[in-house]
Amino acid sequence: MKVGVIDYGMGNLFSVEQALKRLGCDVIVTADVNELDATDALLLPGVGAFPDAMKRLADTNLASYLQKVKAEHRPLLGICLGMQLLFDDSDEVSLTKGLGFFKGSIQRFSGEHEGKQYRVPHMGWNELVVANRPAWLKDEAQAKHVYFVHSFYATGMDANELVAYADYHGIKVPGIVTNGAITGMQFHPEKSGELGVYLLDQWLKGVAAC
């Protein structure tokens, strides 16, 4: 399977590329839409601030390309900031419109729950709780934890689009979301050990089955 990792200048591309290669994928890292069009599936990584990422996508015409990808029902996986960009908007730095593939807004953790302070960013291993099992996630994995590192999370989303979440100080943090051929993972599957590899492999097998 050929997977295109979208290079818009704001992603940890090497670790994602290596994880996909270990799962037997032919990986191309590029911003060239013609090369991306020749792949079986696309991956949108992301590290940094939401407004900067949306500006880079707009400046490189990748934002409009991704709208085309969604309209054509092509498989797309957003990771970390790449997942957040799939939502309606974000209040990081200033209110910024996202790609709008998922209903909901990206907001910052308040850092306080029931009068007690908690750490922001949300960083470390958390149990992932499955809420709705999509077709590509067929079996229960033995490992339960994945690795998160983020200060913002998705709010106000459609419950039917929530696949799995992590509980962080009383907040149900969306960990996996799906809408048609579009999937998002807030955590880093490439850094999440056994469960991360399993989820990435299951997503790829789901793409192949389609």
C-alpha atoms as a PDB file:
ATOM      1  CA  MET A   1       0.000   0.000   0.000  1.00  0.00           C
ATOM      2  CA  LYS A   2       1.215   3.487  -0.866  1.00  0.00           C
ATOM      3  CA  VAL A   3       0.663   6.157   1.804  1.00  0.00           C
ATOM      4  CA  GLY A   4       1.239   9.850   1.253  1.00  0.00           C
ATOM      5  CA  VAL A   5       2.419  11.835   4.293  1.00  0.00           C
ATOM      6  CA  ILE A   6       1.434  15.447   3.686  1.00  0.00           C
ATOM      7  CA  ASP A   7       4.445  17.708   4.206  1.00  0.00           C
ATOM      8  CA  TYR A   8       3.287  21.251   4.946  1.00  0.00           C
ATOM      9  CA  GLY A   9       6.232  22.064   7.201  1.00  0.00           C
ATOM     10  CA  MET A  10       4.653  21.357  10.600  1.00  0.00           C
ATOM     11  CA  GLY A  11       4.888  17.657  11.339  1.00  0.00           C
ATOM     12  CA  ASN A  12       7.131  15.079  12.948  1.00  0.00           C
ATOM     13  CA  LEU A  13       7.497  13.381   9.608  1.00  0.00           C
ATOM     14  CA  PHE A  14      10.361  10.981  10.275  1.00  0.00           C
ATOM     15  CA  SER A  15       8.747   8.999  13.106  1.00  0.00           C
ATOM     16  CA  VAL A  16       5.454   8.680  11.208  1.00  0.00           C
ATOM     17  CA  GLU A  17       7.245   7.649   8.026  1.00  0.00           C
ATOM     18  CA  GLN A  18       9.259   4.982   9.852  1.00  0.00           C
ATOM     19  CA  ALA A  19       6.185   3.597  11.634  1.00  0.00           C
ATOM     20  CA  LEU A  20       4.364   3.207   8.312  1.00  0.00           C
ATOM     21  CA  LYS A  21       7.378   1.559   6.697  1.00  0.00           C
ATOM     22  CA  ARG A  22       7.626  -0.945   9.556  1.00  0.00           C
ATOM     23  CA  LEU A  23       4.031  -1.904   8.757  1.00  0.00           C
ATOM     24  CA  GLY A  24       4.997  -2.632   5.154  1.00  0.00           C
ATOM     25  CA  CYS A  25       3.825   0.584   3.498  1.00  0.00           C
ATOM     26  CA  ASP A  26       5.433   2.341   0.577  1.00  0.00           C
ATOM     27  CA  VAL A  27       5.652   5.880   1.971  1.00  0.00           C
ATOM     28  CA  ILE A  28       6.036   9.173   0.151  1.00  0.00           C
ATOM     29  CA  VAL A  29       6.503  12.448   2.067  1.00  0.00           C
ATOM     30  CA  THR A  30       5.507  15.378  -0.116  1.00  0.00           C
ATOM     31  CA  ALA A  31       3.448  18.514  -0.641  1.00  0.00           C
ATOM     32  CA  ASP A  32       3.032  17.778  -4.358  1.00  0.00           C
ATOM     33  CA  VAL A  33      -0.679  17.120  -4.965  1.00  0.00           C
ATOM     34  CA  ASN A  34       0.047  15.086  -8.084  1.00  0.00           C
ATOM     35  CA  GLU A  35       2.211  12.710  -6.077  1.00  0.00           C
ATOM     36  CA  LEU A  36      -0.379  12.624  -3.278  1.00  0.00           C
ATOM     37  CA  ASP A  37      -3.067  11.749  -5.812  1.00  0.00           C
ATOM     38  CA  ALA A  38      -1.118   8.600  -6.714  1.00  0.00           C
ATOM     39  CA  THR A  39      -1.389   7.147  -3.179  1.00  0.00           C
ATOM     40  CA  ASP A  40      -3.913   4.792  -1.593  1.00  0.00           C
ATOM     41  CA  ALA A  41      -4.270   6.809   1.616  1.00  0.00           C
ATOM     42  CA  LEU A  42      -3.108  10.094   3.110  1.00  0.00           C
ATOM     43  CA  LEU A  43      -1.765  11.048   6.516  1.00  0.00           C
ATOM     44  CA  LEU A  44      -1.839  14.596   7.910  1.00  0.00           C
ATOM     45  CA  PRO A  45       0.626  15.009  10.796  1.00  0.00           C
ATOM     46  CA  GLY A  46       1.081  18.156  12.829  1.00  0.00           C
ATOM     47  CA  VAL A  47       3.114  19.738  15.618  1.00  0.00           C
ATOM     48  CA  GLY A  48       2.700  23.383  16.614  1.00  0.00           C
ATOM     49  CA  ALA A  49      -0.031  26.014  16.676  1.00  0.00           C
ATOM     50  CA  PHE A  50      -3.378  25.671  14.902  1.00  0.00           C
ATOM     51  CA  PRO A  51      -3.347  29.144  13.199  1.00  0.00           C
ATOM     52  CA  ASP A  52       0.167  28.621  11.836  1.00  0.00           C
ATOM     53  CA  ALA A  53      -0.783  25.203  10.481  1.00  0.00           C
ATOM     54  CA  MET A  54      -3.938  26.458   8.748  1.00  0.00           C
ATOM     55  CA  LYS A  55      -1.948  29.311   7.199  1.00  0.00           C
ATOM     56  CA  ARG A  56       0.649  26.870   5.857  1.00  0.00           C
ATOM     57  CA  LEU A  57      -2.091  24.661   4.415  1.00  0.00           C
ATOM     58  CA  ALA A  58      -3.732  27.674   2.765  1.00  0.00           C
ATOM     59  CA  ASP A  59      -0.458  29.104   1.424  1.00  0.00           C
ATOM     60  CA  THR A  60       0.473  25.777  -0.176  1.00  0.00           C
ATOM     61  CA  ASN A  61      -3.067  25.183  -1.556  1.00  0.00           C
ATOM     62  CA  LEU A  62      -3.214  22.000   0.511  1.00  0.00           C
ATOM     63  CA  ALA A  63      -6.330  23.190   2.365  1.00  0.00           C
ATOM     64  CA  SER A  64      -8.351  23.205  -0.855  1.00  0.00           C
ATOM     65  CA  TYR A  65      -6.732  19.920  -1.877  1.00  0.00           C
ATOM     66  CA  LEU A  66      -7.874  18.301   1.369  1.00  0.00           C
ATOM     67  CA  GLN A  67     -11.434  19.457   0.683  1.00  0.00           C
ATOM     68  CA  LYS A  68     -11.138  17.596  -2.617  1.00  0.00           C
ATOM     69  CA  VAL A  69      -9.829  14.528  -0.791  1.00  0.00           C
ATOM     70  CA  LYS A  70     -12.879  14.513   1.474  1.00  0.00           C
ATOM     71  CA  ALA A  71     -15.296  15.036  -1.431  1.00  0.00           C
ATOM     72  CA  GLU A  72     -13.740  12.043  -3.202  1.00  0.00           C
ATOM     73  CA  HIS A  73     -14.048   9.886  -0.045  1.00  0.00           C
ATOM     74  CA  ARG A  74     -10.337   9.135  -0.003  1.00  0.00           C
ATOM     75  CA  PRO A  75      -8.884   7.717   3.245  1.00  0.00           C
ATOM     76  CA  LEU A  76      -7.240  10.401   5.377  1.00  0.00           C
ATOM     77  CA  LEU A  77      -5.754  10.104   8.871  1.00  0.00           C
ATOM     78  CA  GLY A  78      -4.941  13.207  10.926  1.00  0.00           C
ATOM     79  CA  ILE A  79      -2.559  12.812  13.882  1.00  0.00           C
ATOM     80  CA  CYS A  80      -2.252  15.174  16.896  1.00  0.00           C
ATOM     81  CA  LEU A  81      -2.501  18.728  15.500  1.00  0.00           C
ATOM     82  CA  GLY A  82      -3.383  17.061  12.194  1.00  0.00           C
ATOM     83  CA  MET A  83      -6.541  15.719  13.862  1.00  0.00           C
ATOM     84  CA  GLN A  84      -7.401  19.109  15.383  1.00  0.00           C
ATOM     85  CA  LEU A  85      -7.211  20.766  11.967  1.00  0.00           C
ATOM     86  CA  LEU A  86     -10.069  18.529  10.826  1.00  0.00           C
ATOM     87  CA  PHE A  87     -12.524  20.336  13.148  1.00  0.00           C
ATOM     88  CA  ASP A  88     -14.579  23.508  12.585  1.00  0.00           C
ATOM     89  CA  ASP A  89     -12.325  25.955  14.422  1.00  0.00           C
ATOM     90  CA  SER A  90      -9.875  26.550  17.266  1.00  0.00           C
ATOM     91  CA  ASP A  91      -9.433  29.296  19.860  1.00  0.00           C
ATOM     92  CA  GLU A  92      -5.664  28.748  20.055  1.00  0.00           C
ATOM     93  CA  VAL A  93      -3.984  32.203  19.918  1.00  0.00           C
ATOM     94  CA  SER A  94      -7.002  33.609  18.037  1.00  0.00           C
ATOM     95  CA  LEU A  95     -10.217  32.087  16.670  1.00  0.00           C
ATOM     96  CA  THR A  96      -9.213  30.290  13.478  1.00  0.00           C
ATOM     97  CA  LYS A  97     -11.362  28.331  11.056  1.00  0.00           C
ATOM     98  CA  GLY A  98     -10.367  24.705  10.479  1.00  0.00           C
ATOM     99  CA  LEU A  99     -11.085  22.283   7.665  1.00  0.00           C
ATOM    100  CA  GLY A 100     -14.580  21.513   9.002  1.00  0.00           C
ATOM    101  CA  PHE A 101     -14.569  17.748   8.430  1.00  0.00           C
ATOM    102  CA  PHE A 102     -15.804  17.238  11.995  1.00  0.00           C
ATOM    103  CA  LYS A 103     -18.299  19.305  13.957  1.00  0.00           C
ATOM    104  CA  GLY A 104     -16.745  20.900  17.048  1.00  0.00           C
ATOM    105  CA  SER A 105     -14.155  23.342  18.343  1.00  0.00           C
ATOM    106  CA  ILE A 106     -10.624  22.962  19.612  1.00  0.00           C
ATOM    107  CA  GLN A 107     -10.189  24.517  23.063  1.00  0.00           C
ATOM    108  CA  ARG A 108      -7.430  24.721  25.667  1.00  0.00           C
ATOM    109  CA  PHE A 109      -7.539  22.655  28.838  1.00  0.00           C
ATOM    110  CA  SER A 110      -8.564  24.975  31.676  1.00  0.00           C
ATOM    111  CA  GLY A 111      -6.019  23.494  34.081  1.00  0.00           C
ATOM    112  CA  GLU A 112      -8.584  23.327  36.892  1.00  0.00           C
ATOM    113  CA  HIS A 113     -11.149  20.689  37.886  1.00  0.00           C
ATOM    114  CA  GLU A 114     -13.369  20.843  40.963  1.00  0.00           C
ATOM    115  CA  GLY A 115     -11.178  23.514  42.511  1.00  0.00           C
ATOM    116  CA  LYS A 116      -7.943  21.619  41.962  1.00  0.00           C
ATOM    117  CA  GLN A 117      -5.182  22.455  39.493  1.00  0.00           C
ATOM    118  CA  TYR A 118      -3.954  19.911  36.964  1.00  0.00           C
ATOM    119  CA  ARG A 119      -1.082  19.872  34.519  1.00  0.00           C
ATOM    120  CA  VAL A 120      -1.349  21.410  31.081  1.00  0.00           C
ATOM    121  CA  PRO A 121      -0.219  20.135  28.630  1.00  0.00           C
ATOM    122  CA  HIS A 122      -1.845  16.722  28.886  1.00  0.00           C
ATOM    123  CA  MET A 123       1.319  14.688  28.501  1.00  0.00           C
ATOM    124  CA  GLY A 124       1.906  11.008  29.074  1.00  0.00           C
ATOM    125  CA  TRP A 125       0.195   7.639  28.855  1.00  0.00           C
ATOM    126  CA  ASN A 126      -3.581   7.387  29.220  1.00  0.00           C
ATOM    127  CA  GLU A 127      -6.057   4.548  28.898  1.00  0.00           C
ATOM    128  CA  LEU A 128      -8.040   4.694  25.671  1.00  0.00           C
ATOM    129  CA  VAL A 129     -11.726   3.836  26.123  1.00  0.00           C
ATOM    130  CA  VAL A 130     -13.648   2.682  23.020  1.00  0.00           C
ATOM    131  CA  ALA A 131     -17.058   4.365  22.661  1.00  0.00           C
ATOM    132  CA  ASN A 132     -18.088   3.407  19.108  1.00  0.00           C
ATOM    133  CA  ARG A 133     -16.268   0.727  17.155  1.00  0.00           C
ATOM    134  CA  PRO A 134     -15.817   1.535  13.440  1.00  0.00           C
ATOM    135  CA  ALA A 135     -15.624  -1.165  10.771  1.00  0.00           C
ATOM    136  CA  TRP A 136     -11.821  -0.978  10.602  1.00  0.00           C
ATOM    137  CA  LEU A 137     -11.383  -1.574  14.347  1.00  0.00           C
ATOM    138  CA  LYS A 138     -12.554  -5.175  14.536  1.00  0.00           C
ATOM    139  CA  ASP A 139     -10.907  -6.697  17.589  1.00  0.00           C
ATOM    140  CA  GLU A 140     -10.112  -5.662  21.144  1.00  0.00           C
ATOM    141  CA  ALA A 141      -6.416  -5.003  21.723  1.00  0.00           C
ATOM    142  CA  GLN A 142      -4.687  -6.279  24.863  1.00  0.00           C
ATOM    143  CA  ALA A 143      -2.791  -3.027  25.455  1.00  0.00           C
ATOM    144  CA  LYS A 144      -4.928  -0.169  26.772  1.00  0.00           C
ATOM    145  CA  HIS A 145      -2.710   2.924  26.862  1.00  0.00           C
ATOM    146  CA  VAL A 146      -1.503   5.457  24.279  1.00  0.00           C
ATOM    147  CA  TYR A 147       0.782   8.484  24.465  1.00  0.00           C
ATOM    148  CA  PHE A 148      -0.668  12.001  24.467  1.00  0.00           C
ATOM    149  CA  VAL A 149       1.078  15.370  24.380  1.00  0.00           C
ATOM    150  CA  HIS A 150      -1.224  18.353  23.777  1.00  0.00           C
ATOM    151  CA  SER A 151      -2.704  21.453  25.434  1.00  0.00           C
ATOM    152  CA  PHE A 152      -5.864  21.675  23.292  1.00  0.00           C
ATOM    153  CA  TYR A 153      -8.650  19.168  22.708  1.00  0.00           C
ATOM    154  CA  ALA A 154     -11.841  18.752  20.668  1.00  0.00           C
ATOM    155  CA  THR A 155     -15.124  19.902  22.249  1.00  0.00           C
ATOM    156  CA  GLY A 156     -18.761  19.929  21.123  1.00  0.00           C
ATOM    157  CA  MET A 157     -18.320  17.087  18.660  1.00  0.00           C
ATOM    158  CA  ASP A 158     -20.938  14.691  17.341  1.00  0.00           C
ATOM    159  CA  ALA A 159     -21.054  11.699  19.725  1.00  0.00           C
ATOM    160  CA  ASN A 160     -21.581   9.354  16.775  1.00  0.00           C
ATOM    161  CA  GLU A 161     -18.185  10.398  15.377  1.00  0.00           C
ATOM    162  CA  LEU A 162     -16.325   9.622  18.606  1.00  0.00           C
ATOM    163  CA  VAL A 163     -14.536   6.260  18.433  1.00  0.00           C
ATOM    164  CA  ALA A 164     -12.466   6.417  21.627  1.00  0.00           C
ATOM    165  CA  TYR A 165     -11.563   8.827  24.405  1.00  0.00           C
ATOM    166  CA  ALA A 166      -9.243   9.248  27.379  1.00  0.00           C
ATOM    167  CA  ASP A 167     -10.356  10.565  30.767  1.00  0.00           C
ATOM    168  CA  TYR A 168      -8.161  13.463  31.880  1.00  0.00           C
ATOM    169  CA  HIS A 169      -9.292  15.035  35.159  1.00  0.00           C
ATOM    170  CA  GLY A 170     -12.957  14.486  34.381  1.00  0.00           C
ATOM    171  CA  ILE A 171     -12.706  15.531  30.725  1.00  0.00           C
ATOM    172  CA  LYS A 172     -13.516  12.997  28.015  1.00  0.00           C
ATOM    173  CA  VAL A 173     -10.684  13.854  25.642  1.00  0.00           C
ATOM    174  CA  PRO A 174     -11.489  12.624  22.096  1.00  0.00           C
ATOM    175  CA  GLY A 175      -8.684  10.232  21.171  1.00  0.00           C
ATOM    176  CA  ILE A 176     -10.022   8.746  17.917  1.00  0.00           C
ATOM    177  CA  VAL A 177     -12.706  10.263  15.696  1.00  0.00           C
ATOM    178  CA  THR A 178     -14.114   9.127  12.375  1.00  0.00           C
ATOM    179  CA  ASN A 179     -16.432  10.502   9.707  1.00  0.00           C
ATOM    180  CA  GLY A 180     -16.692   8.425   6.551  1.00  0.00           C
ATOM    181  CA  ALA A 181     -13.195   7.996   5.139  1.00  0.00           C
ATOM    182  CA  ILE A 182     -11.748  10.649   7.479  1.00  0.00           C
ATOM    183  CA  THR A 183     -10.115   9.552  10.749  1.00  0.00           C
ATOM    184  CA  GLY A 184      -8.313  11.476  13.462  1.00  0.00           C
ATOM    185  CA  MET A 185      -6.062  10.355  16.323  1.00  0.00           C
ATOM    186  CA  GLN A 186      -5.208  12.939  18.982  1.00  0.00           C
ATOM    187  CA  PHE A 187      -2.423  10.813  20.452  1.00  0.00           C
ATOM    188  CA  HIS A 188       0.729   9.761  18.598  1.00  0.00           C
ATOM    189  CA  PRO A 189       0.211   6.152  17.391  1.00  0.00           C
ATOM    190  CA  GLU A 190       3.821   6.013  16.217  1.00  0.00           C
ATOM    191  CA  LYS A 191       4.949   6.673  19.834  1.00  0.00           C
ATOM    192  CA  SER A 192       2.265   4.647  21.612  1.00  0.00           C
ATOM    193  CA  GLY A 193       3.868   1.240  21.803  1.00  0.00           C
ATOM    194  CA  GLU A 194       1.828  -1.911  21.218  1.00  0.00           C
ATOM    195  CA  LEU A 195      -1.597  -0.263  21.062  1.00  0.00           C
ATOM    196  CA  GLY A 196      -0.419   2.559  18.790  1.00  0.00           C
ATOM    197  CA  VAL A 197       1.057   0.111  16.297  1.00  0.00           C
ATOM    198  CA  TYR A 198      -2.094  -2.024  16.473  1.00  0.00           C
ATOM    199  CA  LEU A 199      -4.415   0.933  15.779  1.00  0.00           C
ATOM    200  CA  LEU A 200      -2.293   2.175  12.889  1.00  0.00           C
ATOM    201  CA  ASP A 201      -2.167  -1.340  11.438  1.00  0.00           C
ATOM    202  CA  GLN A 202      -5.947  -1.773  11.804  1.00  0.00           C
ATOM    203  CA  TRP A 203      -6.572   1.550  10.059  1.00  0.00           C
ATOM    204  CA  LEU A 204      -4.294   0.521   7.185  1.00  0.00           C
ATOM    205  CA  LYS A 205      -6.049  -2.839   6.866  1.00  0.00           C
ATOM    206  CA  GLY A 206      -9.376  -1.023   6.793  1.00  0.00           C
ATOM    207  CA  VAL A 207      -8.094   1.146   3.948  1.00  0.00           C
ATOM    208  CA  ALA A 208      -6.901  -1.950   2.065  1.00  0.00           C
ATOM    209  CA  ALA A 209     -10.264  -3.664   2.536  1.00  0.00           C
ATOM    210  CA  CYS A 210     -12.032  -0.707   0.939  1.00  0.00           C
END
